[in-house]
């Protein structure tokens, strides 16, 4: 029984180490993502084909809502200023 506990503890320590290392890439990341859903205020249904733009940076990032109104902007840096246009 004691040998089984030692093996489980070793496995647990290895798993913790692996999760810690996998998170290290994100610590120094200078980009982030934003996402959300555009809905009709009255019906609360998603609105399709709305253009979402980050107009804060040097390069404008664009996203378009899907049929349920969902959108996502990936690779943003610093601050974001979001504008929606239909």
PDB file of N, CA and C in Angstrom:
ATOM      1  N   UNK A   1       0.816  -1.194   0.000  1.00  0.00           N
ATOM      2  CA  UNK A   1       0.000   0.000   0.000  1.00  0.00           C
ATOM      3  C   UNK A   1       0.864   1.264   0.000  1.00  0.00           C
ATOM      4  N   UNK A   2       1.928   1.231   0.774  1.00  0.00           N
ATOM      5  CA  UNK A   2       2.820   2.370   0.866  1.00  0.00           C
ATOM      6  C   UNK A   2       3.453   2.692  -0.486  1.00  0.00           C
ATOM      7  N   UNK A   3       3.783   1.662  -1.276  1.00  0.00           N
ATOM      8  CA  UNK A   3       4.377   1.844  -2.594  1.00  0.00           C
ATOM      9  C   UNK A   3       3.386   2.510  -3.546  1.00  0.00           C
ATOM     10  N   UNK A   4       2.114   2.158  -3.447  1.00  0.00           N
ATOM     11  CA  UNK A   4       1.069   2.752  -4.282  1.00  0.00           C
ATOM     12  C   UNK A   4       0.923   4.234  -3.963  1.00  0.00           C
ATOM     13  N   UNK A   5       0.963   4.575  -2.697  1.00  0.00           N
ATOM     14  CA  UNK A   5       0.846   5.983  -2.292  1.00  0.00           C
ATOM     15  C   UNK A   5       2.032   6.783  -2.819  1.00  0.00           C
ATOM     16  N   UNK A   6       3.220   6.231  -2.764  1.00  0.00           N
ATOM     17  CA  UNK A   6       4.398   6.922  -3.293  1.00  0.00           C
ATOM     18  C   UNK A   6       4.270   7.156  -4.800  1.00  0.00           C
ATOM     19  N   UNK A   7       3.770   6.162  -5.523  1.00  0.00           N
ATOM     20  CA  UNK A   7       3.595   6.312  -6.964  1.00  0.00           C
ATOM     21  C   UNK A   7       2.540   7.371  -7.283  1.00  0.00           C
ATOM     22  N   UNK A   8       1.441   7.371  -6.519  1.00  0.00           N
ATOM     23  CA  UNK A   8       0.399   8.374  -6.733  1.00  0.00           C
ATOM     24  C   UNK A   8       0.906   9.779  -6.432  1.00  0.00           C
ATOM     25  N   UNK A   9       1.691   9.913  -5.368  1.00  0.00           N
ATOM     26  CA  UNK A   9       2.270  11.223  -5.028  1.00  0.00           C
ATOM     27  C   UNK A   9       3.225  11.692  -6.122  1.00  0.00           C
ATOM     28  N   UNK A  10       4.030  10.775  -6.649  1.00  0.00           N
ATOM     29  CA  UNK A  10       4.954  11.136  -7.723  1.00  0.00           C
ATOM     30  C   UNK A  10       4.180  11.575  -8.962  1.00  0.00           C
ATOM     31  N   UNK A  11       3.117  10.851  -9.294  1.00  0.00           N
ATOM     32  CA  UNK A  11       2.285  11.220 -10.428  1.00  0.00           C
ATOM     33  C   UNK A  11       1.645  12.586 -10.217  1.00  0.00           C
ATOM     34  N   UNK A  12       1.160  12.828  -9.014  1.00  0.00           N
ATOM     35  CA  UNK A  12       0.542  14.111  -8.680  1.00  0.00           C
ATOM     36  C   UNK A  12       1.544  15.257  -8.837  1.00  0.00           C
ATOM     37  N   UNK A  13       2.765  15.058  -8.366  1.00  0.00           N
ATOM     38  CA  UNK A  13       3.804  16.096  -8.473  1.00  0.00           C
ATOM     39  C   UNK A  13       4.153  16.348  -9.941  1.00  0.00           C
ATOM     40  N   UNK A  14       4.245  15.291 -10.730  1.00  0.00           N
ATOM     41  CA  UNK A  14       4.534  15.449 -12.160  1.00  0.00           C
ATOM     42  C   UNK A  14       3.417  16.222 -12.852  1.00  0.00           C
ATOM     43  N   UNK A  15       2.166  15.909 -12.529  1.00  0.00           N
ATOM     44  CA  UNK A  15       1.037  16.626 -13.126  1.00  0.00           C
ATOM     45  C   UNK A  15       1.050  18.111 -12.752  1.00  0.00           C
ATOM     46  N   UNK A  16       1.305  18.407 -11.490  1.00  0.00           N
ATOM     47  CA  UNK A  16       1.391  19.812 -11.058  1.00  0.00           C
ATOM     48  C   UNK A  16       2.497  20.527 -11.822  1.00  0.00           C
ATOM     49  N   UNK A  17       3.640  19.894 -11.970  1.00  0.00           N
ATOM     50  CA  UNK A  17       4.766  20.481 -12.696  1.00  0.00           C
ATOM     51  C   UNK A  17       4.393  20.740 -14.152  1.00  0.00           C
ATOM     52  N   UNK A  18       3.698  19.786 -14.793  1.00  0.00           N
ATOM     53  CA  UNK A  18       3.310  19.954 -16.188  1.00  0.00           C
ATOM     54  C   UNK A  18       2.318  21.104 -16.351  1.00  0.00           C
ATOM     55  N   UNK A  19       1.351  21.217 -15.460  1.00  0.00           N
ATOM     56  CA  UNK A  19       0.388  22.310 -15.542  1.00  0.00           C
ATOM     57  C   UNK A  19       1.070  23.655 -15.305  1.00  0.00           C
ATOM     58  N   UNK A  20       2.023  23.677 -14.405  1.00  0.00           N
ATOM     59  CA  UNK A  20       2.755  24.920 -14.138  1.00  0.00           C
ATOM     60  C   UNK A  20       3.543  25.352 -15.371  1.00  0.00           C
ATOM     61  N   UNK A  21       4.213  24.418 -16.013  1.00  0.00           N
ATOM     62  CA  UNK A  21       4.980  24.751 -17.212  1.00  0.00           C
ATOM     63  C   UNK A  21       4.080  25.172 -18.362  1.00  0.00           C
ATOM     64  N   UNK A  22       2.941  24.537 -18.513  1.00  0.00           N
ATOM     65  CA  UNK A  22       2.052  24.897 -19.613  1.00  0.00           C
ATOM     66  C   UNK A  22       1.475  26.292 -19.433  1.00  0.00           C
ATOM     67  N   UNK A  23       1.355  26.761 -18.210  1.00  0.00           N
ATOM     68  CA  UNK A  23       0.825  28.102 -17.951  1.00  0.00           C
ATOM     69  C   UNK A  23       1.884  29.181 -18.146  1.00  0.00           C
ATOM     70  N   UNK A  24       3.153  28.820 -18.172  1.00  0.00           N
ATOM     71  CA  UNK A  24       4.221  29.817 -18.272  1.00  0.00           C
ATOM     72  C   UNK A  24       4.164  30.603 -19.576  1.00  0.00           C
ATOM     73  N   UNK A  25       3.723  30.002 -20.655  1.00  0.00           N
ATOM     74  CA  UNK A  25       3.637  30.723 -21.924  1.00  0.00           C
ATOM     75  C   UNK A  25       2.678  31.898 -21.832  1.00  0.00           C
ATOM     76  N   UNK A  26       1.620  31.760 -21.089  1.00  0.00           N
ATOM     77  CA  UNK A  26       0.610  32.800 -21.006  1.00  0.00           C
ATOM     78  C   UNK A  26       0.982  33.922 -20.044  1.00  0.00           C
ATOM     79  N   UNK A  27       1.932  33.693 -19.167  1.00  0.00           N
ATOM     80  CA  UNK A  27       2.315  34.718 -18.189  1.00  0.00           C
ATOM     81  C   UNK A  27       2.882  35.946 -18.889  1.00  0.00           C
ATOM     82  N   UNK A  28       3.696  35.728 -19.895  1.00  0.00           N
ATOM     83  CA  UNK A  28       4.381  36.826 -20.561  1.00  0.00           C
ATOM     84  C   UNK A  28       3.718  37.228 -21.873  1.00  0.00           C
ATOM     85  N   UNK A  29       2.541  36.724 -22.120  1.00  0.00           N
ATOM     86  CA  UNK A  29       1.844  37.043 -23.354  1.00  0.00           C
ATOM     87  C   UNK A  29       1.430  38.510 -23.368  1.00  0.00           C
ATOM     88  N   UNK A  30       1.645  39.162 -24.483  1.00  0.00           N
ATOM     89  CA  UNK A  30       1.285  40.577 -24.582  1.00  0.00           C
ATOM     90  C   UNK A  30      -0.007  40.759 -25.370  1.00  0.00           C
ATOM     91  N   UNK A  31      -0.691  39.686 -25.661  1.00  0.00           N
ATOM     92  CA  UNK A  31      -1.951  39.789 -26.390  1.00  0.00           C
ATOM     93  C   UNK A  31      -3.076  39.161 -25.585  1.00  0.00           C
ATOM     94  N   UNK A  32      -4.287  39.536 -25.947  1.00  0.00           N
ATOM     95  CA  UNK A  32      -5.456  38.967 -25.287  1.00  0.00           C
ATOM     96  C   UNK A  32      -6.593  38.882 -26.284  1.00  0.00           C
ATOM     97  N   UNK A  33      -7.653  38.222 -25.890  1.00  0.00           N
ATOM     98  CA  UNK A  33      -8.833  38.048 -26.742  1.00  0.00           C
ATOM     99  C   UNK A  33     -10.053  38.618 -26.038  1.00  0.00           C
ATOM    100  N   UNK A  34     -10.979  39.101 -26.834  1.00  0.00           N
ATOM    101  CA  UNK A  34     -12.276  39.564 -26.331  1.00  0.00           C
ATOM    102  C   UNK A  34     -13.362  38.884 -27.143  1.00  0.00           C
ATOM    103  N   UNK A  35     -14.472  38.626 -26.509  1.00  0.00           N
ATOM    104  CA  UNK A  35     -15.594  38.040 -27.223  1.00  0.00           C
ATOM    105  C   UNK A  35     -16.888  38.401 -26.529  1.00  0.00           C
ATOM    106  N   UNK A  36     -17.973  38.201 -27.222  1.00  0.00           N
ATOM    107  CA  UNK A  36     -19.262  38.505 -26.631  1.00  0.00           C
ATOM    108  C   UNK A  36     -20.392  38.138 -27.566  1.00  0.00           C
ATOM    109  N   UNK A  37     -21.537  38.709 -27.285  1.00  0.00           N
ATOM    110  CA  UNK A  37     -22.729  38.425 -28.080  1.00  0.00           C
ATOM    111  C   UNK A  37     -23.510  39.709 -28.250  1.00  0.00           C
ATOM    112  N   UNK A  38     -23.923  40.000 -29.476  1.00  0.00           N
ATOM    113  CA  UNK A  38     -24.745  41.164 -29.777  1.00  0.00           C
ATOM    114  C   UNK A  38     -26.186  40.659 -29.872  1.00  0.00           C
ATOM    115  N   UNK A  39     -27.077  41.270 -29.058  1.00  0.00           N
ATOM    116  CA  UNK A  39     -28.472  40.825 -29.042  1.00  0.00           C
ATOM    117  C   UNK A  39     -29.421  41.994 -29.259  1.00  0.00           C
ATOM    118  N   UNK A  40     -30.609  41.669 -29.737  1.00  0.00           N
ATOM    119  CA  UNK A  40     -31.699  42.635 -29.834  1.00  0.00           C
ATOM    120  C   UNK A  40     -32.222  42.856 -28.418  1.00  0.00           C
ATOM    121  N   UNK A  41     -32.312  44.103 -27.998  1.00  0.00           N
ATOM    122  CA  UNK A  41     -32.697  44.420 -26.627  1.00  0.00           C
ATOM    123  C   UNK A  41     -34.112  43.936 -26.295  1.00  0.00           C
ATOM    124  N   UNK A  42     -35.007  43.982 -27.259  1.00  0.00           N
ATOM    125  CA  UNK A  42     -36.389  43.591 -27.004  1.00  0.00           C
ATOM    126  C   UNK A  42     -36.586  42.075 -27.040  1.00  0.00           C
ATOM    127  N   UNK A  43     -36.046  41.420 -28.044  1.00  0.00           N
ATOM    128  CA  UNK A  43     -36.278  39.984 -28.205  1.00  0.00           C
ATOM    129  C   UNK A  43     -35.188  39.125 -27.570  1.00  0.00           C
ATOM    130  N   UNK A  44     -34.043  39.734 -27.268  1.00  0.00           N
ATOM    131  CA  UNK A  44     -32.870  39.048 -26.720  1.00  0.00           C
ATOM    132  C   UNK A  44     -32.331  37.969 -27.658  1.00  0.00           C
ATOM    133  N   UNK A  45     -32.647  38.086 -28.951  1.00  0.00           N
ATOM    134  CA  UNK A  45     -32.104  37.179 -29.959  1.00  0.00           C
ATOM    135  C   UNK A  45     -30.805  37.762 -30.502  1.00  0.00           C
ATOM    136  N   UNK A  46     -29.872  36.874 -30.882  1.00  0.00           N
ATOM    137  CA  UNK A  46     -28.614  37.319 -31.445  1.00  0.00           C
ATOM    138  C   UNK A  46     -28.799  38.015 -32.779  1.00  0.00           C
ATOM    139  N   UNK A  47     -27.935  39.000 -33.051  1.00  0.00           N
ATOM    140  CA  UNK A  47     -27.990  39.752 -34.304  1.00  0.00           C
ATOM    141  C   UNK A  47     -26.800  39.335 -35.162  1.00  0.00           C
ATOM    142  N   UNK A  48     -27.094  38.875 -36.367  1.00  0.00           N
ATOM    143  CA  UNK A  48     -26.077  38.381 -37.291  1.00  0.00           C
ATOM    144  C   UNK A  48     -25.482  39.527 -38.113  1.00  0.00           C
ATOM    145  N   UNK A  49     -24.242  39.345 -38.553  1.00  0.00           N
ATOM    146  CA  UNK A  49     -23.534  40.248 -39.478  1.00  0.00           C
ATOM    147  C   UNK A  49     -23.264  41.645 -38.914  1.00  0.00           C
ATOM    148  N   UNK A  50     -23.047  41.754 -37.626  1.00  0.00           N
ATOM    149  CA  UNK A  50     -22.601  43.014 -37.032  1.00  0.00           C
ATOM    150  C   UNK A  50     -21.080  43.004 -37.055  1.00  0.00           C
ATOM    151  N   UNK A  51     -20.482  44.099 -37.496  1.00  0.00           N
ATOM    152  CA  UNK A  51     -19.022  44.223 -37.527  1.00  0.00           C
ATOM    153  C   UNK A  51     -18.565  44.782 -36.180  1.00  0.00           C
ATOM    154  N   UNK A  52     -17.644  44.067 -35.537  1.00  0.00           N
ATOM    155  CA  UNK A  52     -17.053  44.497 -34.271  1.00  0.00           C
ATOM    156  C   UNK A  52     -15.609  44.879 -34.575  1.00  0.00           C
ATOM    157  N   UNK A  53     -15.226  46.099 -34.184  1.00  0.00           N
ATOM    158  CA  UNK A  53     -13.864  46.568 -34.484  1.00  0.00           C
ATOM    159  C   UNK A  53     -13.187  47.063 -33.216  1.00  0.00           C
ATOM    160  N   UNK A  54     -11.890  46.790 -33.128  1.00  0.00           N
ATOM    161  CA  UNK A  54     -11.043  47.418 -32.113  1.00  0.00           C
ATOM    162  C   UNK A  54     -10.400  48.607 -32.802  1.00  0.00           C
ATOM    163  N   UNK A  55     -10.791  49.804 -32.426  1.00  0.00           N
ATOM    164  CA  UNK A  55     -10.297  51.018 -33.097  1.00  0.00           C
ATOM    165  C   UNK A  55      -9.242  51.739 -32.283  1.00  0.00           C
ATOM    166  N   UNK A  56      -8.674  51.068 -31.279  1.00  0.00           N
ATOM    167  CA  UNK A  56      -7.713  51.711 -30.389  1.00  0.00           C
ATOM    168  C   UNK A  56      -6.274  51.591 -30.882  1.00  0.00           C
ATOM    169  N   UNK A  57      -5.908  50.498 -31.517  1.00  0.00           N
ATOM    170  CA  UNK A  57      -4.513  50.257 -31.881  1.00  0.00           C
ATOM    171  C   UNK A  57      -4.141  50.790 -33.248  1.00  0.00           C
ATOM    172  N   UNK A  58      -2.886  50.541 -33.621  1.00  0.00           N
ATOM    173  CA  UNK A  58      -2.391  50.931 -34.944  1.00  0.00           C
ATOM    174  C   UNK A  58      -3.088  50.131 -36.044  1.00  0.00           C
ATOM    175  N   UNK A  59      -3.268  48.846 -35.791  1.00  0.00           N
ATOM    176  CA  UNK A  59      -3.938  47.981 -36.758  1.00  0.00           C
ATOM    177  C   UNK A  59      -5.342  47.678 -36.242  1.00  0.00           C
ATOM    178  N   UNK A  60      -6.347  47.959 -37.050  1.00  0.00           N
ATOM    179  CA  UNK A  60      -7.706  47.673 -36.636  1.00  0.00           C
ATOM    180  C   UNK A  60      -7.990  46.186 -36.787  1.00  0.00           C
ATOM    181  N   UNK A  61      -8.531  45.599 -35.741  1.00  0.00           N
ATOM    182  CA  UNK A  61      -8.935  44.198 -35.756  1.00  0.00           C
ATOM    183  C   UNK A  61     -10.443  44.150 -35.957  1.00  0.00           C
ATOM    184  N   UNK A  62     -10.902  43.197 -36.761  1.00  0.00           N
ATOM    185  CA  UNK A  62     -12.320  43.081 -37.085  1.00  0.00           C
ATOM    186  C   UNK A  62     -12.846  41.695 -36.727  1.00  0.00           C
ATOM    187  N   UNK A  63     -14.109  41.647 -36.375  1.00  0.00           N
ATOM    188  CA  UNK A  63     -14.828  40.383 -36.217  1.00  0.00           C
ATOM    189  C   UNK A  63     -16.244  40.620 -36.714  1.00  0.00           C
ATOM    190  N   UNK A  64     -16.893  39.557 -37.126  1.00  0.00           N
ATOM    191  CA  UNK A  64     -18.265  39.636 -37.600  1.00  0.00           C
ATOM    192  C   UNK A  64     -19.096  38.649 -36.783  1.00  0.00           C
ATOM    193  N   UNK A  65     -20.263  39.082 -36.322  1.00  0.00           N
ATOM    194  CA  UNK A  65     -21.096  38.192 -35.521  1.00  0.00           C
ATOM    195  C   UNK A  65     -21.654  37.061 -36.379  1.00  0.00           C
ATOM    196  N   UNK A  66     -21.791  35.903 -35.752  1.00  0.00           N
ATOM    197  CA  UNK A  66     -22.374  34.762 -36.452  1.00  0.00           C
ATOM    198  C   UNK A  66     -23.899  34.821 -36.360  1.00  0.00           C
ATOM    199  N   UNK A  67     -24.568  33.756 -36.783  1.00  0.00           N
ATOM    200  CA  UNK A  67     -26.028  33.751 -36.822  1.00  0.00           C
ATOM    201  C   UNK A  67     -26.668  33.877 -35.441  1.00  0.00           C
ATOM    202  N   UNK A  68     -25.893  33.608 -34.368  1.00  0.00           N
ATOM    203  CA  UNK A  68     -26.413  33.743 -33.004  1.00  0.00           C
ATOM    204  C   UNK A  68     -25.943  35.030 -32.331  1.00  0.00           C
ATOM    205  N   UNK A  69     -25.195  35.858 -33.071  1.00  0.00           N
ATOM    206  CA  UNK A  69     -24.719  37.125 -32.533  1.00  0.00           C
ATOM    207  C   UNK A  69     -23.380  37.045 -31.821  1.00  0.00           C
ATOM    208  N   UNK A  70     -22.732  35.894 -31.838  1.00  0.00           N
ATOM    209  CA  UNK A  70     -21.450  35.716 -31.144  1.00  0.00           C
ATOM    210  C   UNK A  70     -20.299  36.272 -31.972  1.00  0.00           C
ATOM    211  N   UNK A  71     -19.299  36.821 -31.279  1.00  0.00           N
ATOM    212  CA  UNK A  71     -18.110  37.349 -31.943  1.00  0.00           C
ATOM    213  C   UNK A  71     -16.899  37.146 -31.059  1.00  0.00           C
ATOM    214  N   UNK A  72     -15.699  37.201 -31.671  1.00  0.00           N
ATOM    215  CA  UNK A  72     -14.458  37.111 -30.919  1.00  0.00           C
ATOM    216  C   UNK A  72     -13.356  37.841 -31.669  1.00  0.00           C
ATOM    217  N   UNK A  73     -12.611  38.665 -30.945  1.00  0.00           N
ATOM    218  CA  UNK A  73     -11.418  39.325 -31.457  1.00  0.00           C
ATOM    219  C   UNK A  73     -10.221  38.680 -30.780  1.00  0.00           C
ATOM    220  N   UNK A  74      -9.242  38.240 -31.562  1.00  0.00           N
ATOM    221  CA  UNK A  74      -8.085  37.528 -31.046  1.00  0.00           C
ATOM    222  C   UNK A  74      -6.822  38.315 -31.374  1.00  0.00           C
ATOM    223  N   UNK A  75      -5.853  38.271 -30.494  1.00  0.00           N
ATOM    224  CA  UNK A  75      -4.560  38.896 -30.758  1.00  0.00           C
ATOM    225  C   UNK A  75      -4.513  40.381 -30.470  1.00  0.00           C
ATOM    226  N   UNK A  76      -5.365  40.854 -29.582  1.00  0.00           N
ATOM    227  CA  UNK A  76      -5.357  42.272 -29.219  1.00  0.00           C
ATOM    228  C   UNK A  76      -4.204  42.552 -28.266  1.00  0.00           C
ATOM    229  N   UNK A  77      -3.687  43.776 -28.284  1.00  0.00           N
ATOM    230  CA  UNK A  77      -2.612  44.146 -27.363  1.00  0.00           C
ATOM    231  C   UNK A  77      -2.949  45.478 -26.707  1.00  0.00           C
ATOM    232  N   UNK A  78      -2.325  45.729 -25.603  1.00  0.00           N
ATOM    233  CA  UNK A  78      -2.530  46.950 -24.821  1.00  0.00           C
ATOM    234  C   UNK A  78      -4.000  47.092 -24.419  1.00  0.00           C
ATOM    235  N   UNK A  79      -4.626  48.170 -24.819  1.00  0.00           N
ATOM    236  CA  UNK A  79      -6.022  48.417 -24.498  1.00  0.00           C
ATOM    237  C   UNK A  79      -6.866  48.223 -25.743  1.00  0.00           C
ATOM    238  N   UNK A  80      -8.152  48.012 -25.536  1.00  0.00           N
ATOM    239  CA  UNK A  80      -9.055  47.834 -26.671  1.00  0.00           C
ATOM    240  C   UNK A  80     -10.193  48.851 -26.561  1.00  0.00           C
ATOM    241  N   UNK A  81     -10.568  49.411 -27.682  1.00  0.00           N
ATOM    242  CA  UNK A  81     -11.727  50.281 -27.779  1.00  0.00           C
ATOM    243  C   UNK A  81     -12.615  49.665 -28.850  1.00  0.00           C
ATOM    244  N   UNK A  82     -13.753  49.151 -28.430  1.00  0.00           N
ATOM    245  CA  UNK A  82     -14.606  48.355 -29.309  1.00  0.00           C
ATOM    246  C   UNK A  82     -15.736  49.205 -29.871  1.00  0.00           C
ATOM    247  N   UNK A  83     -15.984  48.986 -31.173  1.00  0.00           N
ATOM    248  CA  UNK A  83     -17.074  49.671 -31.870  1.00  0.00           C
ATOM    249  C   UNK A  83     -17.864  48.610 -32.645  1.00  0.00           C
ATOM    250  N   UNK A  84     -19.199  48.720 -32.586  1.00  0.00           N
ATOM    251  CA  UNK A  84     -20.065  47.801 -33.329  1.00  0.00           C
ATOM    252  C   UNK A  84     -20.789  48.568 -34.418  1.00  0.00           C
ATOM    253  N   UNK A  85     -20.807  48.006 -35.633  1.00  0.00           N
ATOM    254  CA  UNK A  85     -21.449  48.656 -36.767  1.00  0.00           C
ATOM    255  C   UNK A  85     -22.326  47.638 -37.486  1.00  0.00           C
ATOM    256  N   UNK A  86     -23.569  48.016 -37.747  1.00  0.00           N
ATOM    257  CA  UNK A  86     -24.478  47.131 -38.500  1.00  0.00           C
ATOM    258  C   UNK A  86     -24.765  47.765 -39.836  1.00  0.00           C
TER     259      UNK A  86
END
